[in-house]
Amino acid sequence: MAEEEKSPLLEGLESTDVNYRGPRETVRDLYRRGNRLGINGQFSVDSDRSINISSSNSVQNLAEVDHIVAIFVVAFDTRSGNLIEWCMPEDADLEGIEFKAMTSGSHTLHKDFVYFKKDSFFGLACFENMKVESEIERGARMKSVGILSTSYTLLYRHMQFLETQVRHLLCNPATYNQLQSFYDMRNIKNIIHQLEVPGKYSQLKAFYEDKKGMLPSSISIDSIRFASPASTPSSEVLPELKITHPAGCFSQFMKFFGENVFTLWKYVLLQKRILFFSPPPIGVVCYRVYCGCSLGNHSMPEMMSGREPKPFFYVNVADIETLESEVSYIACTTEKIFESKTHLYDVYVDNQNLTANTPALKELLKPSDADRDKSAKLNNQRSAHLFSMEELGEENVMDEEELFTSYFTELNNRLFQTLLDVAGSQDRQLTSDHMRNMGLDPIGDRPFLMELVETYGIDVMLMVDNPCCPR
């Protein structure tokens, strides 16, 4: 397939730096998922860590999920507040996006970025706040440049472009402080010329024309799946490609939450509504949503069917009505008012503090002995991994992010496979040995297991001793 030509305006605007601050799909993940989908292609990595896929049958399926459907600029106006300054296409439905792209509390920061969900689309916006000597702008000029896409998996690739563009727009000669000179008629023609600088949005327009994609009106985003040409009826569709994480994202997540990572892991597997709260900046909190979703990763088709974690990323008060109708999601916010609206979430995470609404969920807040063991073993694996890379100089080892995601994928696979095997046995009896094999504490994790089999409708008989009623 010939490489698509780019507009000259886009040349040099996308970085080749491998340390993107966003999720990225690893080659091995794509290769494995591609094989399951019947895509017998070749995968390679460019210097910018983008994935090239050459396939004889389903390249289009993989490409369809990264279409950019809108691009926009949000500005803060001292009289009107947040407003949409410019967008393409002009008729795009961007209602409310000015409060997602420029989050509550962002005025206290120099710069930030945010991931969010808008209807069935996913967005990324980069924000910057620049001090100016302007009474009209009250000393500060704030803008965000963002995009909407059909998928969140590759939004990170466009982050540096968005950062460059927001800086360009902030420093553009057509700025509010020049309006103060309008009284000087000698300069008015020059000022108007600068205010109408051709190409002010030219690079944004070129980017959109280069990346835009349209969806058939009869197909909803939520229904997009990758189908294997040789699939059986029971595995006709598989979920959208999972993501991995920005460099250091998951290790920071583990350090931040410690043993409570395995408490979050249980809530994710139970498909609970999880809301992360933190004051700005919100970008790093969006990564907690990514990491939280990855705690539920597995490759068991029998346990999928729409049960995968649903990332909503940043939410604000305008999303309350939407959240009221959701039975499962993972999101984050900077708005403290959500803490009092307990009907909107099951688990509230205020920085490192976890709280739950119901007695059953509160019972899971305390890490079990098995959770402490898993946390210690995972940290040991990480230390050994770093030693192999740094001290021994081994090159053919998985990166740190893949180490973590592989750990939870294998843990979840073992757990679900054991439950399915027991459910398919003659006596359907789940014993203490089964729980230990799944990495669970036969006593401390009994409440979690009871919730889990009920959530997924797995028909097993729990024979584990109840500590209140020993045999």
Protein backbone atom coordinates (compact mmCIF):
# COMPACT_ATOMS: atom_id res chain seq x y z
CA MET A 1 0.00 0.00 0.00
CA ALA A 2 1.51 3.32 -1.03
CA GLU A 3 2.19 5.76 1.76
CA GLU A 4 -0.42 8.48 1.93
CA GLU A 5 0.89 11.89 0.93
CA LYS A 6 0.88 14.54 3.62
CA SER A 7 0.18 18.21 3.21
CA PRO A 8 3.39 20.32 3.23
CA LEU A 9 1.90 22.18 6.20
CA LEU A 10 2.20 19.02 8.26
CA GLU A 11 5.83 18.33 7.53
CA GLY A 12 7.92 18.31 10.68
CA LEU A 13 4.96 18.84 12.98
CA GLU A 14 4.79 15.30 14.36
CA SER A 15 7.66 14.40 16.64
CA THR A 16 9.92 11.39 16.33
CA ASP A 17 10.48 11.38 20.09
CA VAL A 18 9.61 7.95 21.50
CA ASN A 19 8.64 9.30 24.92
CA TYR A 20 5.09 10.27 24.02
CA ARG A 21 2.92 11.14 26.99
CA GLY A 22 0.08 8.85 26.05
CA PRO A 23 -0.99 5.25 25.50
CA ARG A 24 0.66 3.23 22.79
CA GLU A 25 -0.04 -0.17 21.27
CA THR A 26 2.92 -2.53 21.44
CA VAL A 27 3.88 -4.57 18.41
CA ARG A 28 3.47 -7.82 20.31
CA ASP A 29 -0.04 -6.88 21.43
CA LEU A 30 -1.00 -6.03 17.85
CA TYR A 31 0.58 -9.19 16.50
CA ARG A 32 -1.24 -11.42 19.00
CA ARG A 33 -4.56 -9.68 18.49
CA GLY A 34 -4.04 -9.65 14.74
CA ASN A 35 -3.51 -13.41 14.70
CA ARG A 36 -6.73 -13.93 16.63
CA LEU A 37 -8.52 -11.71 14.15
CA GLY A 38 -7.17 -13.62 11.17
CA ILE A 39 -4.98 -10.72 10.07
CA ASN A 40 -1.90 -12.47 8.76
CA GLY A 41 0.14 -9.35 8.32
CA GLN A 42 3.50 -7.93 9.27
CA PHE A 43 3.99 -5.40 12.07
CA SER A 44 6.87 -2.96 12.39
CA VAL A 45 7.72 0.12 14.42
CA ASP A 46 8.82 3.41 12.96
CA SER A 47 11.16 5.76 14.79
CA ASP A 48 8.10 7.59 16.14
CA ARG A 49 6.80 4.36 17.69
CA SER A 50 3.87 4.31 15.29
CA ILE A 51 2.75 0.89 14.12
CA ASN A 52 2.87 -0.08 10.45
CA ILE A 53 0.55 -2.91 9.48
CA SER A 54 0.75 -4.65 6.14
CA SER A 55 -1.93 -7.27 5.63
CA SER A 56 -3.63 -9.04 2.81
CA ASN A 57 -7.12 -8.92 4.21
CA SER A 58 -8.09 -6.57 7.07
CA VAL A 59 -5.93 -3.46 7.05
CA GLN A 60 -9.02 -1.28 6.72
CA ASN A 61 -10.54 -2.74 9.89
CA LEU A 62 -7.53 -1.67 11.93
CA ALA A 63 -7.32 1.76 10.33
CA GLU A 64 -10.97 2.70 10.81
CA VAL A 65 -10.71 3.25 14.56
CA ASP A 66 -8.25 6.16 14.46
CA HIS A 67 -10.23 8.58 12.30
CA ILE A 68 -10.16 12.20 13.45
CA VAL A 69 -13.75 13.44 13.21
CA ALA A 70 -13.23 17.00 14.50
CA ILE A 71 -10.56 19.48 15.50
CA PHE A 72 -11.19 22.59 17.58
CA VAL A 73 -9.76 25.53 19.50
CA VAL A 74 -11.19 26.58 22.87
CA ALA A 75 -10.39 29.97 24.41
CA PHE A 76 -11.19 31.70 27.67
CA ASP A 77 -12.97 35.02 27.31
CA THR A 78 -13.09 37.33 30.32
CA ARG A 79 -16.76 38.17 29.65
CA SER A 80 -18.16 34.91 28.24
CA GLY A 81 -15.94 32.30 29.90
CA ASN A 82 -14.92 29.20 27.95
CA LEU A 83 -15.93 29.31 24.29
CA ILE A 84 -15.20 27.51 21.04
CA GLU A 85 -13.01 29.85 19.00
CA TRP A 86 -12.75 27.71 15.86
CA CYS A 87 -13.53 24.19 14.69
CA MET A 88 -13.63 21.86 11.70
CA PRO A 89 -15.99 20.72 10.39
CA GLU A 90 -18.02 23.84 11.06
CA ASP A 91 -21.20 21.87 11.74
CA ALA A 92 -19.58 19.46 14.23
CA ASP A 93 -21.63 18.85 17.37
CA LEU A 94 -19.22 20.14 20.03
CA GLU A 95 -21.72 21.20 22.67
CA GLY A 96 -20.06 21.25 26.08
CA ILE A 97 -16.62 20.44 24.76
CA GLU A 98 -15.30 23.84 25.84
CA PHE A 99 -15.61 22.65 29.46
CA LYS A 100 -13.90 19.33 28.78
CA ALA A 101 -10.97 20.74 26.80
CA MET A 102 -10.40 23.46 29.41
CA THR A 103 -11.06 21.73 32.72
CA SER A 104 -12.24 23.19 35.99
CA GLY A 105 -9.24 24.62 37.83
CA SER A 106 -6.93 24.70 34.82
CA HIS A 107 -6.53 28.48 35.19
CA THR A 108 -4.15 27.75 38.09
CA LEU A 109 -1.73 25.90 35.78
CA HIS A 110 0.76 26.85 33.11
CA LYS A 111 -0.08 23.86 30.92
CA ASP A 112 -1.93 20.55 31.03
CA PHE A 113 -3.61 17.97 28.80
CA VAL A 114 -6.83 16.02 29.13
CA TYR A 115 -8.48 12.92 27.69
CA PHE A 116 -12.27 12.83 27.63
CA LYS A 117 -15.32 11.18 26.10
CA LYS A 118 -17.84 13.13 24.06
CA ASP A 119 -20.93 11.09 23.15
CA SER A 120 -19.47 8.10 21.29
CA PHE A 121 -16.16 9.78 20.51
CA PHE A 122 -12.92 10.22 22.46
CA GLY A 123 -10.94 13.42 22.68
CA LEU A 124 -7.53 14.79 23.59
CA ALA A 125 -6.86 18.46 24.22
CA CYS A 126 -3.71 20.37 25.18
CA PHE A 127 -4.07 23.48 27.33
CA GLU A 128 -1.70 26.35 27.95
CA ASN A 129 -1.95 29.51 30.03
CA MET A 130 0.30 32.42 29.02
CA LYS A 131 0.85 35.58 31.04
CA VAL A 132 0.32 38.77 29.04
CA GLU A 133 0.47 42.48 29.78
CA SER A 134 -3.12 43.10 28.86
CA GLU A 135 -5.88 44.66 30.94
CA ILE A 136 -8.52 43.29 28.57
CA GLU A 137 -7.29 39.72 29.13
CA ARG A 138 -6.67 40.38 32.85
CA GLY A 139 -3.06 39.33 32.56
CA ALA A 140 -3.60 35.82 31.19
CA ARG A 141 -4.39 34.24 27.82
CA MET A 142 -5.69 30.67 27.91
CA LYS A 143 -6.41 28.29 25.05
CA SER A 144 -6.81 24.59 24.35
CA VAL A 145 -6.42 22.79 21.03
CA GLY A 146 -8.08 19.41 20.77
CA ILE A 147 -9.30 16.61 18.54
CA LEU A 148 -12.11 14.05 18.56
CA SER A 149 -11.52 10.53 17.31
CA THR A 150 -13.40 7.27 16.97
CA SER A 151 -10.93 5.63 19.35
CA TYR A 152 -8.67 6.61 22.23
CA THR A 153 -5.92 4.10 21.45
CA LEU A 154 -3.80 6.33 19.21
CA LEU A 155 -4.67 9.83 20.37
CA TYR A 156 -1.27 10.09 22.07
CA ARG A 157 0.41 10.24 18.65
CA HIS A 158 -1.02 13.70 18.07
CA MET A 159 -0.16 15.22 21.45
CA GLN A 160 2.98 17.06 20.41
CA PHE A 161 1.21 18.52 17.39
CA LEU A 162 -1.57 19.85 19.65
CA GLU A 163 0.97 21.28 22.12
CA THR A 164 2.76 23.05 19.27
CA GLN A 165 -0.48 24.47 17.91
CA VAL A 166 -1.78 25.84 21.21
CA ARG A 167 1.54 27.64 21.71
CA HIS A 168 1.35 28.97 18.15
CA LEU A 169 -2.15 30.35 18.72
CA LEU A 170 -1.23 31.94 22.04
CA CYS A 171 1.70 33.76 20.47
CA ASN A 172 -0.07 34.71 17.24
CA PRO A 173 0.11 38.46 16.48
CA ALA A 174 -3.69 38.54 16.43
CA THR A 175 -4.00 38.88 20.19
CA TYR A 176 -6.41 40.78 22.37
CA ASN A 177 -3.81 43.11 23.83
CA GLN A 178 -3.40 44.73 20.39
CA LEU A 179 -7.01 45.84 20.53
CA GLN A 180 -5.96 48.39 23.11
CA SER A 181 -4.22 50.28 20.30
CA PHE A 182 -7.36 50.58 18.18
CA TYR A 183 -7.81 54.16 19.25
CA ASP A 184 -4.63 54.99 17.32
CA MET A 185 -6.00 55.38 13.77
CA ARG A 186 -2.51 55.44 12.32
CA ASN A 187 -2.09 51.77 13.29
CA ILE A 188 -5.60 50.47 12.69
CA LYS A 189 -4.94 49.14 9.18
CA ASN A 190 -1.85 47.30 10.34
CA ILE A 191 -3.70 45.88 13.33
CA ILE A 192 -6.64 44.66 11.25
CA HIS A 193 -4.21 43.03 8.86
CA GLN A 194 -2.59 41.19 11.75
CA LEU A 195 -5.96 40.16 13.15
CA GLU A 196 -6.74 38.55 9.81
CA VAL A 197 -3.41 36.78 9.40
CA PRO A 198 -3.90 34.22 6.62
CA GLY A 199 -3.14 30.72 7.78
CA LYS A 200 -3.83 31.31 11.45
CA TYR A 201 -5.55 27.92 11.47
CA SER A 202 -3.91 26.60 8.31
CA GLN A 203 -1.93 23.86 10.03
CA LEU A 204 -5.02 22.73 11.95
CA LYS A 205 -7.02 22.64 8.72
CA ALA A 206 -4.29 20.66 6.97
CA PHE A 207 -4.09 18.24 9.88
CA TYR A 208 -7.83 17.64 9.80
CA GLU A 209 -7.89 17.13 6.03
CA ASP A 210 -5.02 14.66 6.36
CA LYS A 211 -6.49 12.66 9.26
CA LYS A 212 -10.24 13.03 8.94
CA GLY A 213 -12.50 10.03 8.58
CA MET A 214 -16.21 9.56 8.23
CA LEU A 215 -18.35 6.76 9.61
CA PRO A 216 -21.45 5.29 7.97
CA SER A 217 -24.44 6.91 9.65
CA SER A 218 -26.00 3.52 10.33
CA ILE A 219 -23.05 2.34 12.44
CA SER A 220 -22.52 3.53 16.00
CA ILE A 221 -19.05 3.88 17.48
CA ASP A 222 -19.87 1.53 20.34
CA SER A 223 -20.66 -1.23 17.85
CA ILE A 224 -17.27 -1.10 16.11
CA ARG A 225 -15.44 -4.41 16.56
CA PHE A 226 -12.74 -6.23 14.64
CA ALA A 227 -14.20 -9.33 13.02
CA SER A 228 -12.08 -12.28 11.95
CA PRO A 229 -12.80 -13.58 8.45
CA ALA A 230 -12.41 -17.11 9.76
CA SER A 231 -14.25 -16.58 13.03
CA THR A 232 -16.73 -18.99 14.49
CA PRO A 233 -20.23 -17.79 15.49
CA SER A 234 -19.23 -17.76 19.18
CA SER A 235 -16.24 -15.50 18.54
CA GLU A 236 -17.53 -13.47 15.65
CA VAL A 237 -16.45 -10.17 17.14
CA LEU A 238 -13.72 -9.16 19.55
CA PRO A 239 -13.30 -5.93 21.51
CA GLU A 240 -11.40 -2.93 20.28
CA LEU A 241 -7.65 -3.20 20.61
CA LYS A 242 -6.45 -2.62 24.16
CA ILE A 243 -3.79 -0.02 24.84
CA THR A 244 -0.58 0.05 26.77
CA HIS A 245 0.70 3.10 28.56
CA PRO A 246 3.09 6.05 28.36
CA ALA A 247 6.60 5.45 29.60
CA GLY A 248 6.60 5.07 33.38
CA CYS A 249 2.81 5.42 33.66
CA PHE A 250 2.06 2.04 35.17
CA SER A 251 5.06 1.98 37.52
CA GLN A 252 3.95 5.38 38.87
CA PHE A 253 0.43 3.99 39.25
CA MET A 254 1.78 1.04 41.25
CA LYS A 255 3.95 3.24 43.47
CA PHE A 256 1.11 5.68 44.06
CA PHE A 257 -1.46 3.11 45.18
CA GLY A 258 0.77 0.34 46.52
CA GLU A 259 -1.23 -2.67 47.76
CA ASN A 260 -4.46 -0.81 46.95
CA VAL A 261 -3.82 -1.54 43.28
CA PHE A 262 -5.24 -4.98 43.99
CA THR A 263 -8.26 -3.44 45.70
CA LEU A 264 -8.85 -1.41 42.54
CA TRP A 265 -8.28 -4.58 40.51
CA LYS A 266 -11.18 -6.26 42.31
CA TYR A 267 -13.51 -3.32 41.73
CA VAL A 268 -12.58 -3.23 38.04
CA LEU A 269 -13.29 -6.95 37.62
CA LEU A 270 -16.62 -6.43 39.40
CA GLN A 271 -17.47 -3.77 36.78
CA LYS A 272 -18.05 -1.03 39.34
CA ARG A 273 -18.35 2.70 38.73
CA ILE A 274 -14.96 4.09 39.74
CA LEU A 275 -14.33 7.84 39.97
CA PHE A 276 -10.84 9.27 40.53
CA PHE A 277 -10.70 12.75 42.05
CA SER A 278 -7.69 15.05 42.16
CA PRO A 279 -7.04 18.78 41.93
CA PRO A 280 -5.41 19.89 38.65
CA PRO A 281 -3.37 18.92 36.73
CA ILE A 282 -5.77 16.34 35.28
CA GLY A 283 -3.47 14.74 32.67
CA VAL A 284 -1.79 12.39 35.13
CA VAL A 285 -5.21 11.45 36.56
CA CYS A 286 -6.40 10.51 33.07
CA TYR A 287 -3.51 8.03 33.07
CA ARG A 288 -4.95 6.49 36.22
CA VAL A 289 -8.08 5.82 34.23
CA TYR A 290 -5.96 4.10 31.56
CA CYS A 291 -4.14 2.02 34.15
CA GLY A 292 -7.37 1.19 35.96
CA CYS A 293 -8.88 -0.13 32.74
CA SER A 294 -5.80 -2.27 32.14
CA LEU A 295 -6.27 -3.99 35.50
CA GLY A 296 -9.20 -5.78 33.89
CA ASN A 297 -7.37 -6.91 30.74
CA HIS A 298 -7.77 -10.56 29.77
CA SER A 299 -8.06 -12.64 26.61
CA MET A 300 -11.03 -14.85 27.52
CA PRO A 301 -13.69 -14.36 24.82
CA GLU A 302 -16.27 -16.13 27.00
CA MET A 303 -15.96 -13.37 29.61
CA MET A 304 -16.15 -10.39 27.24
CA SER A 305 -19.44 -9.53 25.50
CA GLY A 306 -19.39 -5.86 26.47
CA ARG A 307 -18.00 -6.42 29.96
CA GLU A 308 -14.70 -4.64 29.31
CA PRO A 309 -13.93 -1.58 31.49
CA LYS A 310 -15.45 1.60 30.02
CA PRO A 311 -13.08 4.59 30.16
CA PHE A 312 -14.85 7.94 30.40
CA PHE A 313 -11.71 9.88 31.37
CA TYR A 314 -12.41 13.47 32.47
CA VAL A 315 -15.98 14.26 33.54
CA ASN A 316 -17.61 17.40 34.94
CA VAL A 317 -21.03 18.44 36.25
CA ALA A 318 -22.39 18.50 32.69
CA ASP A 319 -21.89 14.71 32.59
CA ILE A 320 -24.06 13.99 35.64
CA GLU A 321 -27.11 12.96 33.61
CA THR A 322 -24.97 10.61 31.51
CA LEU A 323 -23.30 9.05 34.53
CA GLU A 324 -26.67 8.45 36.18
CA SER A 325 -27.54 5.98 33.42
CA GLU A 326 -24.21 4.10 33.48
CA VAL A 327 -23.84 0.81 35.37
CA SER A 328 -20.07 0.62 34.91
CA TYR A 329 -17.34 3.14 34.06
CA ILE A 330 -13.92 4.46 35.08
CA ALA A 331 -13.52 8.24 35.06
CA CYS A 332 -11.73 11.15 36.70
CA THR A 333 -12.62 14.69 37.71
CA THR A 334 -11.25 17.86 39.30
CA GLU A 335 -14.67 18.85 40.68
CA LYS A 336 -15.04 18.12 44.39
CA ILE A 337 -18.84 18.36 44.21
CA PHE A 338 -18.93 14.79 42.88
CA GLU A 339 -17.93 13.44 46.29
CA SER A 340 -21.36 14.34 47.70
CA LYS A 341 -23.23 12.76 44.78
CA THR A 342 -22.82 9.18 45.95
CA HIS A 343 -25.52 7.86 43.60
CA LEU A 344 -23.16 8.50 40.67
CA TYR A 345 -20.36 6.13 41.69
CA ASP A 346 -19.60 2.94 43.60
CA VAL A 347 -15.97 3.69 44.45
CA TYR A 348 -14.51 7.17 45.02
CA VAL A 349 -10.74 7.58 44.88
CA ASP A 350 -9.51 10.86 46.38
CA ASN A 351 -5.82 10.74 45.45
CA GLN A 352 -4.69 7.65 47.43
CA ASN A 353 -7.79 7.25 49.59
CA LEU A 354 -10.46 4.76 48.49
CA THR A 355 -14.04 4.86 49.76
CA ALA A 356 -17.01 2.67 48.79
CA ASN A 357 -20.75 3.16 49.06
CA THR A 358 -22.17 -0.23 50.02
CA PRO A 359 -21.30 -2.60 52.89
CA ALA A 360 -20.34 -5.33 50.40
CA LEU A 361 -17.89 -3.06 48.60
CA LYS A 362 -16.54 -1.60 51.84
CA GLU A 363 -15.64 -5.15 52.85
CA LEU A 364 -13.21 -5.26 49.91
CA LEU A 365 -11.33 -2.08 50.87
CA LYS A 366 -8.85 -3.87 53.11
CA PRO A 367 -6.16 -5.75 51.13
CA SER A 368 -6.09 -9.49 51.83
CA ASP A 369 -2.96 -11.51 52.63
CA ALA A 370 -2.98 -12.72 49.02
CA ASP A 371 -3.09 -9.10 47.79
CA ARG A 372 0.01 -8.28 49.84
CA ASP A 373 1.75 -11.35 48.43
CA LYS A 374 0.84 -10.41 44.86
CA SER A 375 2.04 -6.84 45.40
CA ALA A 376 5.39 -8.05 46.79
CA LYS A 377 5.87 -10.55 43.94
CA LEU A 378 5.02 -7.94 41.31
CA ASN A 379 7.49 -5.48 42.81
CA ASN A 380 10.14 -8.22 42.86
CA GLN A 381 9.44 -8.97 39.20
CA ARG A 382 9.83 -5.30 38.40
CA SER A 383 13.14 -5.08 40.29
CA ALA A 384 14.48 -8.17 38.52
CA HIS A 385 13.31 -6.75 35.20
CA LEU A 386 15.09 -3.43 35.79
CA PHE A 387 18.23 -5.29 36.85
CA SER A 388 18.17 -7.32 33.62
CA MET A 389 17.86 -4.17 31.56
CA GLU A 390 20.24 -1.82 33.38
CA GLU A 391 22.87 -4.02 35.00
CA LEU A 392 23.02 -6.98 32.63
CA GLY A 393 22.29 -4.96 29.51
CA GLU A 394 19.78 -7.45 28.19
CA GLU A 395 18.00 -6.02 25.16
CA ASN A 396 15.44 -8.68 24.29
CA VAL A 397 13.22 -8.17 27.32
CA MET A 398 9.73 -6.71 27.42
CA ASP A 399 9.42 -3.08 28.49
CA GLU A 400 8.20 -2.19 31.96
CA GLU A 401 4.69 -1.32 30.80
CA GLU A 402 4.32 -4.69 29.09
CA LEU A 403 5.53 -6.39 32.26
CA PHE A 404 2.63 -4.92 34.24
CA THR A 405 -0.06 -5.39 31.63
CA SER A 406 1.06 -8.96 30.96
CA TYR A 407 0.96 -9.67 34.70
CA PHE A 408 -2.68 -8.63 35.08
CA THR A 409 -3.73 -10.26 31.81
CA GLU A 410 -2.27 -13.58 32.94
CA LEU A 411 -3.71 -13.18 36.45
CA ASN A 412 -7.20 -12.53 35.06
CA ASN A 413 -6.92 -15.33 32.52
CA ARG A 414 -5.99 -17.81 35.24
CA LEU A 415 -8.82 -16.63 37.47
CA PHE A 416 -11.52 -16.82 34.82
CA GLN A 417 -10.23 -20.08 33.32
CA THR A 418 -10.30 -21.75 36.75
CA LEU A 419 -13.87 -20.57 37.36
CA LEU A 420 -15.00 -21.80 33.94
CA ASP A 421 -13.29 -25.16 34.42
CA VAL A 422 -14.98 -25.65 37.80
CA ALA A 423 -18.35 -24.54 36.39
CA GLY A 424 -17.95 -27.18 33.67
CA SER A 425 -17.05 -29.96 36.08
CA GLN A 426 -19.50 -32.52 37.41
CA ASP A 427 -19.68 -31.30 41.02
CA ARG A 428 -18.98 -27.57 40.32
CA GLN A 429 -17.25 -27.29 43.71
CA LEU A 430 -14.79 -24.42 44.14
CA THR A 431 -12.27 -25.26 46.88
CA SER A 432 -9.58 -23.43 48.83
CA ASP A 433 -6.97 -24.94 46.52
CA HIS A 434 -8.76 -23.44 43.54
CA MET A 435 -8.69 -20.02 45.20
CA ARG A 436 -4.99 -20.25 45.96
CA ASN A 437 -4.32 -21.26 42.34
CA MET A 438 -6.20 -18.12 41.27
CA GLY A 439 -4.01 -15.96 43.53
CA LEU A 440 -6.81 -15.36 46.05
CA ASP A 441 -6.98 -15.70 49.83
CA PRO A 442 -9.46 -18.50 50.71
CA ILE A 443 -10.75 -16.49 53.68
CA GLY A 444 -10.00 -12.81 53.02
CA ASP A 445 -11.10 -12.93 49.36
CA ARG A 446 -14.26 -14.98 49.89
CA PRO A 447 -16.57 -11.87 49.69
CA PHE A 448 -14.86 -10.79 46.45
CA LEU A 449 -15.24 -14.21 44.87
CA MET A 450 -18.91 -14.42 45.80
CA GLU A 451 -19.51 -11.03 44.14
CA LEU A 452 -17.47 -12.05 41.10
CA VAL A 453 -19.30 -15.28 40.28
CA GLU A 454 -22.62 -13.46 40.73
CA THR A 455 -21.53 -10.59 38.46
CA TYR A 456 -20.53 -12.91 35.62
CA GLY A 457 -23.23 -15.53 36.21
CA ILE A 458 -20.74 -18.36 36.76
CA ASP A 459 -22.46 -21.39 38.27
CA VAL A 460 -20.09 -22.77 40.94
CA MET A 461 -20.52 -23.95 44.53
CA LEU A 462 -18.22 -22.12 46.90
CA MET A 463 -16.82 -24.76 49.28
CA VAL A 464 -14.30 -22.46 50.92
CA ASP A 465 -14.55 -22.39 54.72
CA ASN A 466 -16.33 -19.38 56.14
CA PRO A 467 -14.19 -17.98 59.00
CA CYS A 468 -17.38 -17.39 61.01
CA CYS A 469 -18.54 -20.95 60.62
CA PRO A 470 -15.49 -23.26 60.59
CA ARG A 471 -15.96 -26.93 59.89
